[in-house]
Amino acid sequence: MADPPPPFTPSASAADLPPAPPAIRHDVSPTSNAPLALAESGFTFCDENPLVPPQHLTAASLEEISRGALTLVVPPYKAYLNHVTVASSPENGLPIVSTSSNCPDTALLSSLPLYAAGFHHPANTGSPKHIYFEVRLLRLPRRADKGAVAIGFAAKPYPPFRLPGWNRGSLAVHGDDGHRYCNNAFGGSEFMEAPWRVGETVGIGMTFGTGRVGGGGGEVWVERNGKRVGGWEITEEVDSIDSMRGGDPKIGLDGRWDVYAALGVFGGGIQVEVSKFESV
């Protein structure tokens, strides 16, 4: 009788194995899509409004950022002032965003950047920078195609009539389809279970570390109800560049520009509590 074969010993470590298959990308969202005219307007906005350089911040502003003492700002245009409000919760003082009927696609940015490139860049501090933004869903429409929430980050200026993730210098995860978007005006990439539901808490974080593109941003992660559900590297999105527009998804997010928390909403009957801003 032949001797039994020797025990199997893998010849390669986990680091030597091929990477996981890329996320499935879509040309359109399976739930809701903005009109083509608005998409074109978003491109035009970005063409006409270049990213602004990092701003100079006072010591008081930097202290507010470090304490997470921020809020979200409604775009200063009549179309949004009639449909979106931000008020302090009477219970805990946290910002609450509410929408009324027929609220258009709207992007609200934080009052100050969570990542201030002139102060937080790893080349200046010698340490990685982590930012995080979390919301609690208090009220949502019954149907995801009638209204939804998106959370992410954006550099300024960002078109206020576009959800985060759709245009230059922004990334986001959308609660209606669960897709992630990074300068992607199409259908994004499959990422997490959706739709999000009332009572859930969803957060998104980003790390600006040494040795990355521009010396800055690279890793993104998402939490749901206190548990990490996944993440990705900004460099994974390079292949999704819109060659017709020359849109590099890293622009605005690679550590050279200020980065703001970004909340996207559309549709009426939405109420969201911003439960956490972190910059550590």
Protein backbone atom coordinates (compact mmCIF):
# COMPACT_ATOMS: atom_id res chain seq x y z
CA MET A 1 0.00 0.00 0.00
CA ALA A 2 1.36 3.40 -1.00
CA ASP A 3 2.25 5.94 1.61
CA PRO A 4 -0.37 8.72 2.09
CA PRO A 5 0.43 12.02 0.39
CA PRO A 6 2.13 14.68 2.52
CA PRO A 7 -0.11 17.35 4.04
CA PHE A 8 -0.91 20.27 1.79
CA THR A 9 1.25 23.33 2.34
CA PRO A 10 0.26 26.46 0.44
CA SER A 11 3.09 27.83 -1.66
CA ALA A 12 1.87 31.43 -1.50
CA SER A 13 0.86 33.69 1.33
CA ALA A 14 -2.40 35.63 1.34
CA ALA A 15 -0.48 38.66 0.13
CA ASP A 16 0.59 36.71 -2.96
CA LEU A 17 -2.94 35.73 -3.92
CA PRO A 18 -4.76 37.61 -6.68
CA PRO A 19 -6.97 40.50 -5.54
CA ALA A 20 -10.69 40.04 -5.00
CA PRO A 21 -12.82 40.56 -8.11
CA PRO A 22 -13.81 44.18 -8.70
CA ALA A 23 -17.24 45.42 -7.68
CA ILE A 24 -19.87 45.15 -10.39
CA ARG A 25 -20.43 48.53 -12.03
CA HIS A 26 -23.68 49.76 -13.52
CA ASP A 27 -24.56 52.22 -16.25
CA VAL A 28 -27.71 53.26 -14.36
CA SER A 29 -29.05 52.88 -10.84
CA PRO A 30 -31.70 50.15 -10.40
CA THR A 31 -33.85 52.49 -8.28
CA SER A 32 -33.63 56.13 -9.39
CA ASN A 33 -31.63 58.25 -11.81
CA ALA A 34 -31.27 61.99 -12.32
CA PRO A 35 -32.37 63.52 -15.64
CA LEU A 36 -29.64 63.70 -18.27
CA ALA A 37 -29.97 67.49 -18.40
CA LEU A 38 -29.01 67.74 -14.73
CA ALA A 39 -26.06 65.43 -15.27
CA GLU A 40 -24.84 67.70 -18.06
CA SER A 41 -25.36 70.73 -15.83
CA GLY A 42 -23.21 69.05 -13.20
CA PHE A 43 -20.39 68.60 -15.70
CA THR A 44 -20.74 72.23 -16.78
CA PHE A 45 -20.63 73.42 -13.17
CA CYS A 46 -17.37 71.58 -12.59
CA ASP A 47 -15.87 72.81 -15.85
CA GLU A 48 -16.65 76.42 -14.93
CA ASN A 49 -15.74 76.19 -11.24
CA PRO A 50 -12.28 74.72 -10.51
CA LEU A 51 -11.54 73.25 -7.10
CA VAL A 52 -10.55 75.90 -4.59
CA PRO A 53 -7.17 75.67 -2.82
CA PRO A 54 -7.02 74.73 0.87
CA GLN A 55 -8.39 77.52 3.05
CA HIS A 56 -6.63 79.17 5.95
CA LEU A 57 -8.39 78.26 9.18
CA THR A 58 -8.26 80.00 12.53
CA ALA A 59 -7.31 78.21 15.72
CA ALA A 60 -10.97 78.39 16.76
CA SER A 61 -12.11 76.68 13.56
CA LEU A 62 -9.51 73.93 13.94
CA GLU A 63 -10.74 73.38 17.49
CA GLU A 64 -14.34 73.04 16.24
CA ILE A 65 -13.20 70.45 13.70
CA SER A 66 -11.31 68.43 16.30
CA ARG A 67 -14.36 68.44 18.61
CA GLY A 68 -16.78 67.58 15.80
CA ALA A 69 -18.73 70.74 16.60
CA LEU A 70 -20.00 71.09 13.03
CA THR A 71 -23.29 71.19 11.19
CA LEU A 72 -24.49 70.83 7.61
CA VAL A 73 -25.22 73.82 5.39
CA VAL A 74 -28.19 74.11 3.03
CA PRO A 75 -27.10 75.47 -0.38
CA PRO A 76 -27.92 79.22 -0.44
CA TYR A 77 -30.37 79.05 -3.30
CA LYS A 78 -34.14 79.51 -3.21
CA ALA A 79 -34.82 76.10 -4.76
CA TYR A 80 -33.26 74.42 -1.73
CA LEU A 81 -34.31 76.82 1.02
CA ASN A 82 -37.93 75.91 0.25
CA HIS A 83 -37.31 72.16 0.46
CA VAL A 84 -34.47 71.43 2.92
CA THR A 85 -33.96 72.58 6.50
CA VAL A 86 -31.27 71.99 9.11
CA ALA A 87 -32.25 72.48 12.75
CA SER A 88 -30.83 71.48 16.12
CA SER A 89 -32.52 68.59 17.90
CA PRO A 90 -34.34 69.80 21.05
CA GLU A 91 -33.19 66.61 22.78
CA ASN A 92 -29.44 66.56 22.15
CA GLY A 93 -28.61 69.58 20.00
CA LEU A 94 -27.46 67.46 17.05
CA PRO A 95 -28.22 68.71 13.52
CA ILE A 96 -31.40 67.30 11.96
CA VAL A 97 -31.94 67.56 8.20
CA SER A 98 -35.56 67.47 6.98
CA THR A 99 -37.03 67.60 3.49
CA SER A 100 -40.43 68.65 2.20
CA SER A 101 -42.42 67.34 -0.76
CA ASN A 102 -40.69 67.37 -4.15
CA CYS A 103 -37.26 68.10 -2.72
CA PRO A 104 -34.80 68.02 -5.65
CA ASP A 105 -31.41 66.31 -5.59
CA THR A 106 -29.47 68.28 -2.98
CA ALA A 107 -25.94 68.12 -1.57
CA LEU A 108 -25.32 69.60 1.87
CA LEU A 109 -21.71 70.04 2.97
CA SER A 110 -20.32 70.42 6.48
CA SER A 111 -19.78 73.91 7.86
CA LEU A 112 -16.01 73.29 8.00
CA PRO A 113 -13.81 70.66 6.32
CA LEU A 114 -13.23 67.47 8.29
CA TYR A 115 -9.89 67.24 6.49
CA ALA A 116 -8.08 70.58 6.15
CA ALA A 117 -5.22 69.92 3.74
CA GLY A 118 -3.09 72.82 4.96
CA PHE A 119 -3.10 71.48 8.52
CA HIS A 120 -3.94 67.76 8.38
CA HIS A 121 -1.86 66.58 5.42
CA PRO A 122 0.31 63.61 6.54
CA ALA A 123 3.36 65.32 5.05
CA ASN A 124 2.87 68.08 7.63
CA THR A 125 1.90 65.96 10.63
CA GLY A 126 3.84 62.75 10.00
CA SER A 127 0.73 60.74 10.90
CA PRO A 128 -2.33 59.43 9.04
CA LYS A 129 -5.55 61.43 9.30
CA HIS A 130 -8.92 59.74 9.77
CA ILE A 131 -12.27 61.43 9.16
CA TYR A 132 -15.72 59.99 9.79
CA PHE A 133 -19.31 61.13 9.36
CA GLU A 134 -22.40 59.30 10.68
CA VAL A 135 -26.16 59.76 10.42
CA ARG A 136 -29.22 58.22 12.03
CA LEU A 137 -32.24 57.73 9.78
CA LEU A 138 -35.33 59.09 11.53
CA ARG A 139 -37.77 59.14 8.64
CA LEU A 140 -37.74 57.92 5.02
CA PRO A 141 -40.26 57.54 2.18
CA ARG A 142 -41.83 54.10 1.92
CA ARG A 143 -40.40 53.61 -1.57
CA ALA A 144 -36.69 54.07 -2.28
CA ASP A 145 -37.41 55.56 -5.71
CA LYS A 146 -39.42 58.36 -4.08
CA GLY A 147 -36.62 59.65 -1.89
CA ALA A 148 -33.31 58.58 -0.39
CA VAL A 149 -30.18 59.58 1.49
CA ALA A 150 -26.52 59.46 0.44
CA ILE A 151 -23.49 59.98 2.69
CA GLY A 152 -19.96 60.77 1.61
CA PHE A 153 -17.30 63.42 1.22
CA ALA A 154 -16.67 66.24 -1.24
CA ALA A 155 -14.21 68.96 -2.11
CA LYS A 156 -15.46 72.46 -2.91
CA PRO A 157 -17.07 73.70 -4.98
CA TYR A 158 -19.54 70.88 -5.54
CA PRO A 159 -22.72 71.26 -7.62
CA PRO A 160 -25.51 71.61 -5.02
CA PHE A 161 -28.05 70.01 -7.35
CA ARG A 162 -26.12 66.73 -7.60
CA LEU A 163 -25.94 63.95 -5.01
CA PRO A 164 -22.48 63.29 -3.54
CA GLY A 165 -20.41 60.82 -5.54
CA TRP A 166 -21.76 61.82 -8.93
CA ASN A 167 -19.27 64.55 -9.78
CA ARG A 168 -15.67 65.69 -9.45
CA GLY A 169 -14.03 65.61 -6.05
CA SER A 170 -16.65 63.50 -4.32
CA LEU A 171 -17.48 59.98 -3.20
CA ALA A 172 -20.52 58.51 -1.48
CA VAL A 173 -22.66 55.49 -0.76
CA HIS A 174 -26.34 55.84 -1.69
CA GLY A 175 -29.06 54.38 0.49
CA ASP A 176 -31.61 53.64 -2.23
CA ASP A 177 -29.47 51.22 -4.26
CA GLY A 178 -26.55 50.51 -1.88
CA HIS A 179 -24.05 51.46 -4.59
CA ARG A 180 -20.83 53.36 -4.05
CA TYR A 181 -20.04 56.31 -6.28
CA CYS A 182 -16.72 58.10 -6.81
CA ASN A 183 -16.91 60.81 -9.47
CA ASN A 184 -19.37 58.48 -11.19
CA ALA A 185 -22.36 60.03 -12.95
CA PHE A 186 -23.74 56.66 -14.00
CA GLY A 187 -24.93 53.75 -11.84
CA GLY A 188 -22.01 53.31 -9.47
CA SER A 189 -20.68 49.99 -8.18
CA GLU A 190 -22.47 47.41 -6.06
CA PHE A 191 -21.39 47.75 -2.44
CA MET A 192 -23.90 47.06 0.35
CA GLU A 193 -27.41 45.83 1.09
CA ALA A 194 -30.15 48.35 0.38
CA PRO A 195 -32.40 50.15 0.91
CA TRP A 196 -31.43 51.68 4.22
CA ARG A 197 -34.24 51.68 6.77
CA VAL A 198 -35.65 53.97 9.43
CA GLY A 199 -33.84 53.57 12.74
CA GLU A 200 -30.53 52.54 11.19
CA THR A 201 -27.26 54.38 11.72
CA VAL A 202 -24.90 54.60 8.74
CA GLY A 203 -21.44 56.18 8.65
CA ILE A 204 -18.60 56.64 6.20
CA GLY A 205 -14.92 57.22 6.92
CA MET A 206 -11.76 58.01 5.01
CA THR A 207 -8.07 57.73 5.84
CA PHE A 208 -5.40 60.08 4.52
CA GLY A 209 -2.14 58.22 4.99
CA THR A 210 1.50 58.60 4.08
CA GLY A 211 2.76 57.02 0.89
CA ARG A 212 -0.52 57.42 -1.00
CA VAL A 213 -1.48 59.38 -4.09
CA GLY A 214 -0.59 63.01 -3.45
CA GLY A 215 0.64 61.88 -0.04
CA GLY A 216 -2.98 61.72 1.06
CA GLY A 217 -6.36 60.03 0.78
CA GLY A 218 -6.71 56.39 -0.02
CA GLU A 219 -8.93 54.15 2.07
CA VAL A 220 -12.69 54.51 2.48
CA TRP A 221 -14.83 52.44 4.84
CA VAL A 222 -18.52 52.24 5.73
CA GLU A 223 -20.26 51.26 8.96
CA ARG A 224 -23.87 50.23 9.47
CA ASN A 225 -25.38 50.05 12.95
CA GLY A 226 -21.91 50.14 14.50
CA LYS A 227 -20.39 47.39 12.36
CA ARG A 228 -18.02 47.80 9.45
CA VAL A 229 -19.65 46.48 6.28
CA GLY A 230 -16.87 47.07 3.77
CA GLY A 231 -14.50 49.51 2.18
CA TRP A 232 -12.36 50.28 -0.83
CA GLU A 233 -9.24 52.10 -1.96
CA ILE A 234 -9.61 55.26 -4.03
CA THR A 235 -7.17 53.75 -6.53
CA GLU A 236 -9.72 51.01 -7.24
CA GLU A 237 -11.83 53.64 -8.97
CA VAL A 238 -9.18 54.66 -11.49
CA ASP A 239 -10.62 52.35 -14.13
CA SER A 240 -14.00 54.07 -13.81
CA ILE A 241 -12.68 57.37 -15.18
CA ASP A 242 -15.17 58.93 -17.59
CA SER A 243 -12.81 59.20 -20.57
CA MET A 244 -15.20 61.54 -22.40
CA ARG A 245 -14.81 64.09 -19.61
CA GLY A 246 -11.34 63.23 -18.36
CA GLY A 247 -12.65 62.90 -14.83
CA ASP A 248 -10.04 61.36 -12.54
CA PRO A 249 -11.91 60.12 -9.43
CA LYS A 250 -8.90 60.87 -7.22
CA ILE A 251 -8.97 64.59 -7.94
CA GLY A 252 -10.10 66.47 -4.85
CA LEU A 253 -9.78 63.40 -2.65
CA ASP A 254 -6.05 62.62 -2.71
CA GLY A 255 -5.08 64.85 0.20
CA ARG A 256 -4.25 68.07 -1.63
CA TRP A 257 -7.65 69.72 -1.12
CA ASP A 258 -9.93 70.31 1.85
CA VAL A 259 -12.57 67.59 2.20
CA TYR A 260 -16.04 68.14 3.66
CA ALA A 261 -18.67 65.74 4.95
CA ALA A 262 -21.44 65.53 2.36
CA LEU A 263 -25.07 64.51 2.79
CA GLY A 264 -27.28 63.98 -0.24
CA VAL A 265 -31.09 63.94 -0.15
CA PHE A 266 -33.94 63.87 -2.62
CA GLY A 267 -37.69 63.50 -2.17
CA GLY A 268 -39.99 64.54 0.64
CA GLY A 269 -40.56 63.07 4.07
CA ILE A 270 -36.88 62.58 4.95
CA GLN A 271 -35.49 63.29 8.40
CA VAL A 272 -31.87 62.54 9.25
CA GLU A 273 -29.94 63.21 12.44
CA VAL A 274 -26.23 63.87 12.00
CA SER A 275 -25.00 61.92 15.00
CA LYS A 276 -21.23 62.22 14.57
CA PHE A 277 -18.46 64.22 12.91
CA GLU A 278 -14.93 62.93 13.61
CA SER A 279 -11.51 64.21 12.57
CA VAL A 280 -8.71 62.40 14.40
